[in-house]
């Protein structure tokens, strides 16, 4: 991380022009570096946008959402996890206005977004969505097979029945 900060600051300094403008742009306080802020609250705090070709977030032992598939396959999961039945999920969304486990707009507005935690939450929801989709496809195939199993004669008889009274033409 220190190599990243040194490289970042070197690039930043070389692009800033005179050293007088750099002094007003960078703050070091309590071993924390601030760019365009007087009160850095993290190792590096930037008051503005950061442009990068790539960002890597170390997960440092974070639990990836593979437990969603473990639970689906009947395996034990390292956490207490239960995927909601679709009807329960629908009711939750109607009542709460967001997905379970996903922070609300208000929470995100007040607290910001923890990129690592939020990315893992989104992955969990994608995995859940994939399982709902698989279950839906299985239901579709069951229904298609049930339709194929019906005898063609019973289908023909049901569609060929003529109404007892023919439809009358409606004229204006």
N, C-alpha and C. Protein backbone atom coordinates (compact mmCIF):
# COMPACT_ATOMS: atom_id res chain seq x y z
N UNK A 1 0.82 -1.19 0.00
CA UNK A 1 0.00 0.00 0.00
C UNK A 1 0.87 1.26 0.00
N UNK A 2 2.00 1.19 0.71
CA UNK A 2 2.89 2.35 0.77
C UNK A 2 3.47 2.64 -0.61
N UNK A 3 3.79 1.56 -1.37
CA UNK A 3 4.31 1.76 -2.72
C UNK A 3 3.28 2.47 -3.59
N UNK A 4 2.03 2.08 -3.42
CA UNK A 4 0.95 2.72 -4.17
C UNK A 4 0.86 4.20 -3.83
N UNK A 5 0.90 4.52 -2.55
CA UNK A 5 0.79 5.92 -2.13
C UNK A 5 1.96 6.75 -2.65
N UNK A 6 3.16 6.19 -2.56
CA UNK A 6 4.34 6.93 -3.03
C UNK A 6 4.22 7.17 -4.53
N UNK A 7 3.84 6.12 -5.29
CA UNK A 7 3.68 6.27 -6.74
C UNK A 7 2.58 7.28 -7.05
N UNK A 8 1.47 7.17 -6.33
CA UNK A 8 0.34 8.07 -6.55
C UNK A 8 0.76 9.52 -6.31
N UNK A 9 1.46 9.75 -5.20
CA UNK A 9 1.88 11.11 -4.88
C UNK A 9 2.91 11.63 -5.87
N UNK A 10 3.82 10.76 -6.34
CA UNK A 10 4.82 11.19 -7.32
C UNK A 10 4.14 11.64 -8.61
N UNK A 11 3.18 10.87 -9.05
CA UNK A 11 2.44 11.24 -10.26
C UNK A 11 1.66 12.52 -10.03
N UNK A 12 1.03 12.60 -8.87
CA UNK A 12 0.24 13.78 -8.53
C UNK A 12 1.13 15.03 -8.50
N UNK A 13 2.27 14.92 -7.85
CA UNK A 13 3.18 16.06 -7.71
C UNK A 13 3.72 16.49 -9.08
N UNK A 14 4.09 15.52 -9.90
CA UNK A 14 4.66 15.86 -11.20
C UNK A 14 3.63 16.55 -12.10
N UNK A 15 2.38 16.29 -11.87
CA UNK A 15 1.34 16.89 -12.71
C UNK A 15 0.78 18.18 -12.15
N UNK A 16 1.20 18.57 -10.97
CA UNK A 16 0.60 19.73 -10.32
C UNK A 16 1.25 21.05 -10.67
N UNK A 17 2.44 21.01 -11.21
CA UNK A 17 3.09 22.27 -11.54
C UNK A 17 4.03 22.70 -10.45
N UNK A 18 3.90 23.92 -10.00
CA UNK A 18 4.85 24.48 -9.02
C UNK A 18 4.67 23.84 -7.66
N UNK A 19 5.75 23.85 -6.88
CA UNK A 19 5.71 23.25 -5.54
C UNK A 19 4.83 24.07 -4.60
N UNK A 20 4.61 25.34 -4.92
CA UNK A 20 3.75 26.17 -4.06
C UNK A 20 2.30 25.66 -4.10
N UNK A 21 1.82 25.22 -5.26
CA UNK A 21 0.45 24.73 -5.34
C UNK A 21 0.32 23.35 -4.69
N UNK A 22 1.41 22.58 -4.68
CA UNK A 22 1.39 21.25 -4.06
C UNK A 22 1.20 21.38 -2.56
N UNK A 23 1.85 22.36 -1.95
CA UNK A 23 1.75 22.55 -0.51
C UNK A 23 0.32 22.83 -0.07
N UNK A 24 -0.45 23.48 -0.89
CA UNK A 24 -1.84 23.76 -0.53
C UNK A 24 -2.77 22.60 -0.86
N UNK A 25 -2.29 21.68 -1.71
CA UNK A 25 -3.13 20.56 -2.15
C UNK A 25 -3.04 19.35 -1.24
N UNK A 26 -1.85 19.08 -0.67
CA UNK A 26 -1.62 17.87 0.11
C UNK A 26 -1.48 18.20 1.59
N UNK A 27 -2.17 17.42 2.43
CA UNK A 27 -2.11 17.56 3.88
C UNK A 27 -1.65 16.24 4.47
N UNK A 28 -0.76 16.30 5.43
CA UNK A 28 -0.38 15.11 6.19
C UNK A 28 -0.73 15.38 7.64
N UNK A 29 -1.59 14.50 8.19
CA UNK A 29 -2.07 14.70 9.56
C UNK A 29 -2.23 13.33 10.22
N UNK A 30 -1.61 13.11 11.35
CA UNK A 30 -1.68 11.83 12.06
C UNK A 30 -1.31 10.66 11.16
N UNK A 31 -0.25 10.82 10.40
CA UNK A 31 0.26 9.82 9.47
C UNK A 31 -0.77 9.44 8.40
N UNK A 32 -1.67 10.34 8.11
CA UNK A 32 -2.66 10.14 7.04
C UNK A 32 -2.48 11.25 6.02
N UNK A 33 -2.63 10.90 4.75
CA UNK A 33 -2.41 11.85 3.67
C UNK A 33 -3.75 12.30 3.12
N UNK A 34 -3.89 13.59 2.96
CA UNK A 34 -5.11 14.15 2.39
C UNK A 34 -4.79 14.91 1.12
N UNK A 35 -5.57 14.71 0.10
CA UNK A 35 -5.44 15.46 -1.14
C UNK A 35 -6.68 16.34 -1.24
N UNK A 36 -6.46 17.64 -1.25
CA UNK A 36 -7.53 18.64 -1.30
C UNK A 36 -8.48 18.52 -0.11
N UNK A 37 -7.94 18.10 1.03
CA UNK A 37 -8.71 18.07 2.27
C UNK A 37 -7.77 18.35 3.42
N UNK A 38 -8.23 19.05 4.40
CA UNK A 38 -7.41 19.39 5.58
C UNK A 38 -7.53 18.33 6.67
N UNK A 39 -8.53 17.45 6.58
CA UNK A 39 -8.76 16.45 7.63
C UNK A 39 -8.87 15.04 7.04
N UNK A 40 -7.76 14.44 6.65
CA UNK A 40 -7.84 13.08 6.13
C UNK A 40 -8.26 12.11 7.24
N UNK A 41 -9.19 11.24 6.93
CA UNK A 41 -9.69 10.30 7.94
C UNK A 41 -9.28 8.85 7.66
N UNK A 42 -8.57 8.62 6.57
CA UNK A 42 -8.04 7.31 6.22
C UNK A 42 -6.58 7.48 5.83
N UNK A 43 -5.90 6.36 5.56
CA UNK A 43 -4.50 6.43 5.16
C UNK A 43 -4.32 7.38 3.98
N UNK A 44 -5.26 7.33 3.04
CA UNK A 44 -5.29 8.28 1.92
C UNK A 44 -6.73 8.75 1.74
N UNK A 45 -6.94 10.03 1.86
CA UNK A 45 -8.26 10.62 1.66
C UNK A 45 -8.16 11.62 0.51
N UNK A 46 -9.00 11.44 -0.50
CA UNK A 46 -9.01 12.32 -1.65
C UNK A 46 -10.38 12.99 -1.74
N UNK A 47 -10.36 14.29 -1.75
CA UNK A 47 -11.60 15.04 -1.90
C UNK A 47 -11.79 15.34 -3.38
N UNK A 48 -12.32 14.39 -4.09
CA UNK A 48 -12.51 14.53 -5.52
C UNK A 48 -12.46 13.17 -6.19
N UNK A 49 -12.43 13.17 -7.48
CA UNK A 49 -12.44 11.93 -8.24
C UNK A 49 -11.04 11.34 -8.36
N UNK A 50 -10.99 10.04 -8.50
CA UNK A 50 -9.73 9.34 -8.75
C UNK A 50 -9.89 8.59 -10.07
N UNK A 51 -8.95 8.78 -10.96
CA UNK A 51 -8.99 8.11 -12.26
C UNK A 51 -7.93 7.02 -12.24
N UNK A 52 -8.34 5.81 -12.59
CA UNK A 52 -7.40 4.70 -12.61
C UNK A 52 -7.80 3.73 -13.71
N UNK A 53 -6.84 3.00 -14.22
CA UNK A 53 -7.15 1.96 -15.20
C UNK A 53 -7.68 0.72 -14.51
N UNK A 54 -7.27 0.52 -13.29
CA UNK A 54 -7.68 -0.68 -12.56
C UNK A 54 -7.63 -0.41 -11.07
N UNK A 55 -8.56 -1.00 -10.34
CA UNK A 55 -8.56 -0.92 -8.88
C UNK A 55 -8.70 -2.35 -8.36
N UNK A 56 -7.81 -2.73 -7.46
CA UNK A 56 -7.92 -4.05 -6.85
C UNK A 56 -8.17 -3.86 -5.37
N UNK A 57 -9.18 -4.56 -4.86
CA UNK A 57 -9.51 -4.51 -3.45
C UNK A 57 -9.11 -5.84 -2.84
N UNK A 58 -8.22 -5.81 -1.86
CA UNK A 58 -7.85 -7.03 -1.16
C UNK A 58 -9.00 -7.43 -0.24
N UNK A 59 -9.37 -8.70 -0.30
CA UNK A 59 -10.50 -9.17 0.50
C UNK A 59 -10.08 -9.56 1.91
N UNK A 60 -8.80 -9.78 2.14
CA UNK A 60 -8.29 -10.08 3.47
C UNK A 60 -9.16 -11.07 4.24
N UNK A 61 -9.37 -12.24 3.66
CA UNK A 61 -10.12 -13.29 4.35
C UNK A 61 -11.62 -13.10 4.35
N UNK A 62 -12.11 -12.17 3.56
CA UNK A 62 -13.56 -11.96 3.51
C UNK A 62 -14.23 -13.21 2.97
N UNK A 63 -15.41 -13.49 3.46
CA UNK A 63 -16.17 -14.65 3.05
C UNK A 63 -16.87 -14.35 1.73
N UNK A 64 -16.47 -15.05 0.67
CA UNK A 64 -17.12 -14.84 -0.62
C UNK A 64 -18.47 -15.55 -0.62
N UNK A 65 -19.42 -15.08 -1.41
CA UNK A 65 -20.78 -15.61 -1.36
C UNK A 65 -21.00 -17.00 -1.96
N UNK A 66 -19.95 -17.81 -2.07
CA UNK A 66 -20.14 -19.18 -2.54
C UNK A 66 -21.07 -19.95 -1.61
N UNK A 67 -21.24 -19.46 -0.37
CA UNK A 67 -22.15 -20.13 0.57
C UNK A 67 -23.58 -20.20 0.02
N UNK A 68 -23.92 -19.32 -0.91
CA UNK A 68 -25.25 -19.37 -1.54
C UNK A 68 -25.41 -20.69 -2.28
N UNK A 69 -24.38 -21.08 -3.04
CA UNK A 69 -24.44 -22.33 -3.79
C UNK A 69 -24.27 -23.53 -2.86
N UNK A 70 -23.44 -23.39 -1.82
CA UNK A 70 -23.29 -24.48 -0.86
C UNK A 70 -24.63 -24.80 -0.24
N UNK A 71 -25.35 -23.77 0.18
CA UNK A 71 -26.66 -23.95 0.80
C UNK A 71 -27.63 -24.61 -0.18
N UNK A 72 -27.60 -24.19 -1.43
CA UNK A 72 -28.48 -24.73 -2.47
C UNK A 72 -28.20 -26.22 -2.70
N UNK A 73 -26.92 -26.59 -2.60
CA UNK A 73 -26.53 -27.98 -2.82
C UNK A 73 -26.68 -28.84 -1.58
N UNK A 74 -27.22 -28.27 -0.51
CA UNK A 74 -27.44 -29.03 0.72
C UNK A 74 -26.21 -29.15 1.59
N UNK A 75 -25.15 -28.45 1.25
CA UNK A 75 -23.93 -28.49 2.06
C UNK A 75 -24.06 -27.51 3.21
N UNK A 76 -23.27 -27.73 4.25
CA UNK A 76 -23.29 -26.79 5.37
C UNK A 76 -22.57 -25.52 4.94
N UNK A 77 -23.03 -24.42 5.46
CA UNK A 77 -22.42 -23.13 5.13
C UNK A 77 -21.74 -22.57 6.36
N UNK A 78 -20.69 -21.78 6.16
CA UNK A 78 -19.96 -21.24 7.30
C UNK A 78 -20.71 -20.13 8.04
N UNK A 79 -21.81 -19.69 7.49
CA UNK A 79 -22.60 -18.66 8.15
C UNK A 79 -24.05 -19.10 8.18
N UNK A 80 -24.84 -18.43 8.97
CA UNK A 80 -26.27 -18.71 9.02
C UNK A 80 -26.92 -18.02 7.83
N UNK A 81 -27.14 -18.77 6.77
CA UNK A 81 -27.66 -18.20 5.54
C UNK A 81 -28.91 -18.96 5.10
N UNK A 82 -29.89 -18.22 4.66
CA UNK A 82 -31.11 -18.82 4.12
C UNK A 82 -31.60 -17.93 2.99
N UNK A 83 -31.76 -18.55 1.82
CA UNK A 83 -32.32 -17.79 0.69
C UNK A 83 -33.83 -17.80 0.84
N UNK A 84 -34.43 -16.62 0.71
CA UNK A 84 -35.87 -16.48 0.88
C UNK A 84 -36.63 -17.15 -0.26
N UNK A 85 -37.74 -17.78 0.06
CA UNK A 85 -38.63 -18.20 -1.03
C UNK A 85 -39.07 -16.96 -1.80
N UNK A 86 -39.32 -17.12 -3.07
CA UNK A 86 -39.61 -15.97 -3.95
C UNK A 86 -40.80 -15.14 -3.46
N UNK A 87 -41.80 -15.81 -2.89
CA UNK A 87 -42.97 -15.07 -2.39
C UNK A 87 -42.59 -14.20 -1.20
N UNK A 88 -41.74 -14.73 -0.33
CA UNK A 88 -41.26 -13.98 0.83
C UNK A 88 -40.39 -12.79 0.38
N UNK A 89 -39.57 -13.03 -0.63
CA UNK A 89 -38.73 -11.97 -1.18
C UNK A 89 -39.59 -10.84 -1.75
N UNK A 90 -40.63 -11.22 -2.48
CA UNK A 90 -41.53 -10.21 -3.05
C UNK A 90 -42.17 -9.37 -1.94
N UNK A 91 -42.64 -10.02 -0.89
CA UNK A 91 -43.26 -9.29 0.22
C UNK A 91 -42.26 -8.36 0.90
N UNK A 92 -41.02 -8.83 1.06
CA UNK A 92 -39.97 -8.01 1.68
C UNK A 92 -39.73 -6.75 0.84
N UNK A 93 -39.61 -6.94 -0.47
CA UNK A 93 -39.35 -5.80 -1.35
C UNK A 93 -40.50 -4.80 -1.31
N UNK A 94 -41.73 -5.31 -1.30
CA UNK A 94 -42.90 -4.43 -1.24
C UNK A 94 -42.90 -3.64 0.07
N UNK A 95 -42.59 -4.31 1.19
CA UNK A 95 -42.62 -3.65 2.50
C UNK A 95 -41.42 -2.76 2.77
N UNK A 96 -40.23 -3.20 2.36
CA UNK A 96 -39.00 -2.48 2.70
C UNK A 96 -38.49 -1.57 1.59
N UNK A 97 -38.82 -1.87 0.35
CA UNK A 97 -38.39 -1.04 -0.77
C UNK A 97 -36.96 -1.28 -1.22
N UNK A 98 -36.35 -2.40 -0.80
CA UNK A 98 -35.01 -2.75 -1.24
C UNK A 98 -34.80 -4.24 -1.00
N UNK A 99 -33.73 -4.78 -1.57
CA UNK A 99 -33.41 -6.19 -1.38
C UNK A 99 -32.89 -6.43 0.02
N UNK A 100 -33.18 -7.59 0.59
CA UNK A 100 -32.63 -7.89 1.92
C UNK A 100 -31.11 -7.97 1.86
N UNK A 101 -30.48 -7.38 2.86
CA UNK A 101 -29.02 -7.39 2.92
C UNK A 101 -28.35 -6.28 2.13
N UNK A 102 -29.11 -5.54 1.35
CA UNK A 102 -28.56 -4.44 0.56
C UNK A 102 -28.88 -3.14 1.29
N UNK A 103 -27.88 -2.29 1.51
CA UNK A 103 -28.16 -1.05 2.24
C UNK A 103 -29.13 -0.15 1.47
N UNK A 104 -29.90 0.59 2.23
CA UNK A 104 -30.87 1.50 1.63
C UNK A 104 -30.17 2.73 1.07
N UNK A 105 -30.89 3.47 0.27
CA UNK A 105 -30.37 4.73 -0.28
C UNK A 105 -29.95 5.66 0.86
N UNK A 106 -30.76 5.72 1.90
CA UNK A 106 -30.46 6.60 3.03
C UNK A 106 -29.15 6.20 3.71
N UNK A 107 -28.97 4.90 3.95
CA UNK A 107 -27.72 4.44 4.58
C UNK A 107 -26.51 4.76 3.70
N UNK A 108 -26.64 4.51 2.41
CA UNK A 108 -25.53 4.80 1.50
C UNK A 108 -25.24 6.29 1.44
N UNK A 109 -26.28 7.10 1.45
CA UNK A 109 -26.09 8.57 1.41
C UNK A 109 -25.40 9.06 2.67
N UNK A 110 -25.77 8.50 3.81
CA UNK A 110 -25.20 8.96 5.08
C UNK A 110 -23.82 8.39 5.36
N UNK A 111 -23.58 7.13 5.00
CA UNK A 111 -22.35 6.44 5.40
C UNK A 111 -21.38 6.19 4.26
N UNK A 112 -21.77 6.46 3.04
CA UNK A 112 -20.92 6.14 1.90
C UNK A 112 -21.03 4.66 1.58
N UNK A 113 -20.14 4.21 0.70
CA UNK A 113 -20.20 2.85 0.20
C UNK A 113 -18.87 2.16 0.46
N UNK A 114 -18.90 1.06 1.17
CA UNK A 114 -17.72 0.24 1.37
C UNK A 114 -17.63 -0.67 0.15
N UNK A 115 -16.68 -0.39 -0.72
CA UNK A 115 -16.60 -1.07 -2.01
C UNK A 115 -16.47 -2.59 -1.86
N UNK A 116 -15.64 -3.05 -0.94
CA UNK A 116 -15.46 -4.49 -0.75
C UNK A 116 -16.77 -5.14 -0.29
N UNK A 117 -17.37 -4.60 0.74
CA UNK A 117 -18.60 -5.18 1.30
C UNK A 117 -19.74 -5.13 0.28
N UNK A 118 -19.86 -4.01 -0.40
CA UNK A 118 -20.95 -3.85 -1.37
C UNK A 118 -20.77 -4.78 -2.56
N UNK A 119 -19.54 -4.95 -3.03
CA UNK A 119 -19.28 -5.86 -4.15
C UNK A 119 -19.64 -7.29 -3.78
N UNK A 120 -19.29 -7.70 -2.56
CA UNK A 120 -19.63 -9.04 -2.11
C UNK A 120 -21.14 -9.22 -1.95
N UNK A 121 -21.82 -8.18 -1.49
CA UNK A 121 -23.28 -8.23 -1.37
C UNK A 121 -23.92 -8.36 -2.76
N UNK A 122 -23.42 -7.59 -3.72
CA UNK A 122 -23.96 -7.70 -5.08
C UNK A 122 -23.72 -9.08 -5.66
N UNK A 123 -22.55 -9.66 -5.41
CA UNK A 123 -22.26 -11.01 -5.89
C UNK A 123 -23.22 -12.02 -5.25
N UNK A 124 -23.50 -11.84 -3.97
CA UNK A 124 -24.47 -12.72 -3.29
C UNK A 124 -25.83 -12.63 -3.98
N UNK A 125 -26.27 -11.43 -4.30
CA UNK A 125 -27.58 -11.25 -4.94
C UNK A 125 -27.57 -11.83 -6.36
N UNK A 126 -26.46 -11.72 -7.08
CA UNK A 126 -26.37 -12.31 -8.42
C UNK A 126 -26.46 -13.83 -8.32
N UNK A 127 -25.78 -14.41 -7.33
CA UNK A 127 -25.84 -15.86 -7.16
C UNK A 127 -27.25 -16.31 -6.79
N UNK A 128 -27.92 -15.55 -5.91
CA UNK A 128 -29.31 -15.87 -5.57
C UNK A 128 -30.20 -15.77 -6.80
N UNK A 129 -30.02 -14.72 -7.58
CA UNK A 129 -30.80 -14.54 -8.79
C UNK A 129 -30.60 -15.70 -9.76
N UNK A 130 -29.36 -16.16 -9.86
CA UNK A 130 -29.06 -17.30 -10.72
C UNK A 130 -29.82 -18.54 -10.27
N UNK A 131 -29.89 -18.76 -8.96
CA UNK A 131 -30.62 -19.92 -8.46
C UNK A 131 -32.12 -19.78 -8.69
N UNK A 132 -32.67 -18.57 -8.51
CA UNK A 132 -34.09 -18.35 -8.82
C UNK A 132 -34.36 -18.65 -10.30
N UNK A 133 -33.45 -18.22 -11.16
CA UNK A 133 -33.59 -18.43 -12.59
C UNK A 133 -33.54 -19.92 -12.94
N UNK A 134 -32.63 -20.65 -12.32
CA UNK A 134 -32.54 -22.10 -12.56
C UNK A 134 -33.84 -22.78 -12.12
N UNK A 135 -34.35 -22.40 -10.96
CA UNK A 135 -35.60 -22.98 -10.48
C UNK A 135 -36.76 -22.66 -11.43
N UNK A 136 -36.80 -21.43 -11.93
CA UNK A 136 -37.84 -21.04 -12.87
C UNK A 136 -37.74 -21.84 -14.16
N UNK A 137 -36.52 -22.04 -14.66
CA UNK A 137 -36.33 -22.82 -15.88
C UNK A 137 -36.78 -24.27 -15.66
N UNK A 138 -36.48 -24.83 -14.50
CA UNK A 138 -36.92 -26.19 -14.19
C UNK A 138 -38.45 -26.28 -14.19
N UNK A 139 -39.11 -25.27 -13.63
CA UNK A 139 -40.58 -25.25 -13.63
C UNK A 139 -41.12 -25.15 -15.05
N UNK A 140 -40.50 -24.36 -15.89
CA UNK A 140 -40.93 -24.23 -17.28
C UNK A 140 -40.81 -25.57 -17.99
N UNK A 141 -39.70 -26.27 -17.78
CA UNK A 141 -39.49 -27.57 -18.43
C UNK A 141 -40.51 -28.60 -17.95
N UNK A 142 -40.84 -28.57 -16.66
CA UNK A 142 -41.86 -29.49 -16.14
C UNK A 142 -43.20 -29.22 -16.82
N UNK A 143 -43.56 -27.96 -16.95
CA UNK A 143 -44.82 -27.60 -17.61
C UNK A 143 -44.82 -27.99 -19.08
N UNK A 144 -43.69 -27.77 -19.77
CA UNK A 144 -43.59 -28.15 -21.17
C UNK A 144 -43.73 -29.67 -21.34
N UNK A 145 -43.09 -30.43 -20.46
CA UNK A 145 -43.20 -31.87 -20.52
C UNK A 145 -44.61 -32.34 -20.24
N UNK A 146 -45.28 -31.69 -19.31
CA UNK A 146 -46.67 -32.04 -19.00
C UNK A 146 -47.56 -31.79 -20.21
N UNK A 147 -47.31 -30.72 -20.93
CA UNK A 147 -48.10 -30.45 -22.14
C UNK A 147 -47.83 -31.48 -23.23
N UNK A 148 -46.59 -31.90 -23.37
CA UNK A 148 -46.25 -32.91 -24.37
C UNK A 148 -46.86 -34.26 -24.03
N UNK A 149 -47.02 -34.54 -22.74
CA UNK A 149 -47.54 -35.83 -22.30
C UNK A 149 -49.04 -35.97 -22.56
N UNK A 150 -49.70 -34.86 -22.68
CA UNK A 150 -51.15 -34.93 -22.96
C UNK A 150 -51.33 -35.59 -24.32
N UNK A 151 -52.33 -36.43 -24.41
CA UNK A 151 -52.55 -37.12 -25.69
C UNK A 151 -53.03 -36.13 -26.73
N UNK A 152 -52.55 -36.28 -27.94
CA UNK A 152 -52.95 -35.35 -29.01
C UNK A 152 -54.46 -35.38 -29.24
N UNK A 153 -55.11 -36.51 -29.02
CA UNK A 153 -56.56 -36.59 -29.26
C UNK A 153 -57.32 -35.77 -28.24
N UNK A 154 -56.88 -35.74 -26.99
CA UNK A 154 -57.59 -34.94 -25.99
C UNK A 154 -57.41 -33.45 -26.27
N UNK A 155 -56.24 -33.07 -26.76
CA UNK A 155 -56.03 -31.68 -27.13
C UNK A 155 -56.88 -31.30 -28.33
N UNK A 156 -56.97 -32.22 -29.31
CA UNK A 156 -57.74 -31.94 -30.52
C UNK A 156 -59.21 -31.83 -30.17
N UNK A 157 -59.71 -32.73 -29.32
CA UNK A 157 -61.11 -32.68 -28.93
C UNK A 157 -61.43 -31.39 -28.18
N UNK A 158 -60.52 -30.93 -27.37
CA UNK A 158 -60.77 -29.71 -26.60
C UNK A 158 -60.81 -28.49 -27.50
N UNK A 159 -60.02 -28.47 -28.57
CA UNK A 159 -59.99 -27.29 -29.44
C UNK A 159 -61.00 -27.36 -30.55
N UNK A 160 -61.46 -28.56 -30.89
CA UNK A 160 -62.40 -28.70 -32.00
C UNK A 160 -63.86 -28.58 -31.59
N UNK A 161 -64.11 -28.50 -30.31
CA UNK A 161 -65.51 -28.40 -29.87
C UNK A 161 -66.13 -27.12 -30.41
N UNK A 162 -67.24 -27.27 -31.01
CA UNK A 162 -67.97 -26.10 -31.52
C UNK A 162 -68.86 -25.57 -30.42
N UNK A 163 -68.98 -24.27 -30.31
CA UNK A 163 -69.88 -23.72 -29.31
C UNK A 163 -71.32 -24.15 -29.62
N UNK A 164 -72.12 -24.24 -28.57
CA UNK A 164 -73.49 -24.68 -28.78
C UNK A 164 -74.25 -23.74 -29.70
N UNK A 165 -74.03 -22.45 -29.54
CA UNK A 165 -74.65 -21.47 -30.44
C UNK A 165 -73.52 -20.80 -31.20
N UNK A 166 -73.63 -20.73 -32.50
CA UNK A 166 -72.58 -20.02 -33.25
C UNK A 166 -72.58 -18.54 -32.88
N UNK A 167 -71.41 -17.94 -32.94
CA UNK A 167 -71.30 -16.51 -32.64
C UNK A 167 -72.03 -15.71 -33.72
N UNK A 168 -72.74 -14.72 -33.25
CA UNK A 168 -73.45 -13.88 -34.20
C UNK A 168 -72.57 -12.71 -34.55
N UNK A 169 -72.65 -12.28 -35.78
CA UNK A 169 -71.87 -11.14 -36.22
C UNK A 169 -72.46 -9.89 -35.61
N UNK A 170 -71.61 -9.09 -35.03
CA UNK A 170 -72.07 -7.85 -34.41
C UNK A 170 -71.92 -6.75 -35.43
N UNK A 171 -73.04 -6.11 -35.68
CA UNK A 171 -73.02 -4.98 -36.62
C UNK A 171 -73.24 -3.70 -35.88
N UNK A 172 -72.60 -2.65 -36.34
CA UNK A 172 -72.77 -1.34 -35.70
C UNK A 172 -74.02 -0.67 -36.13
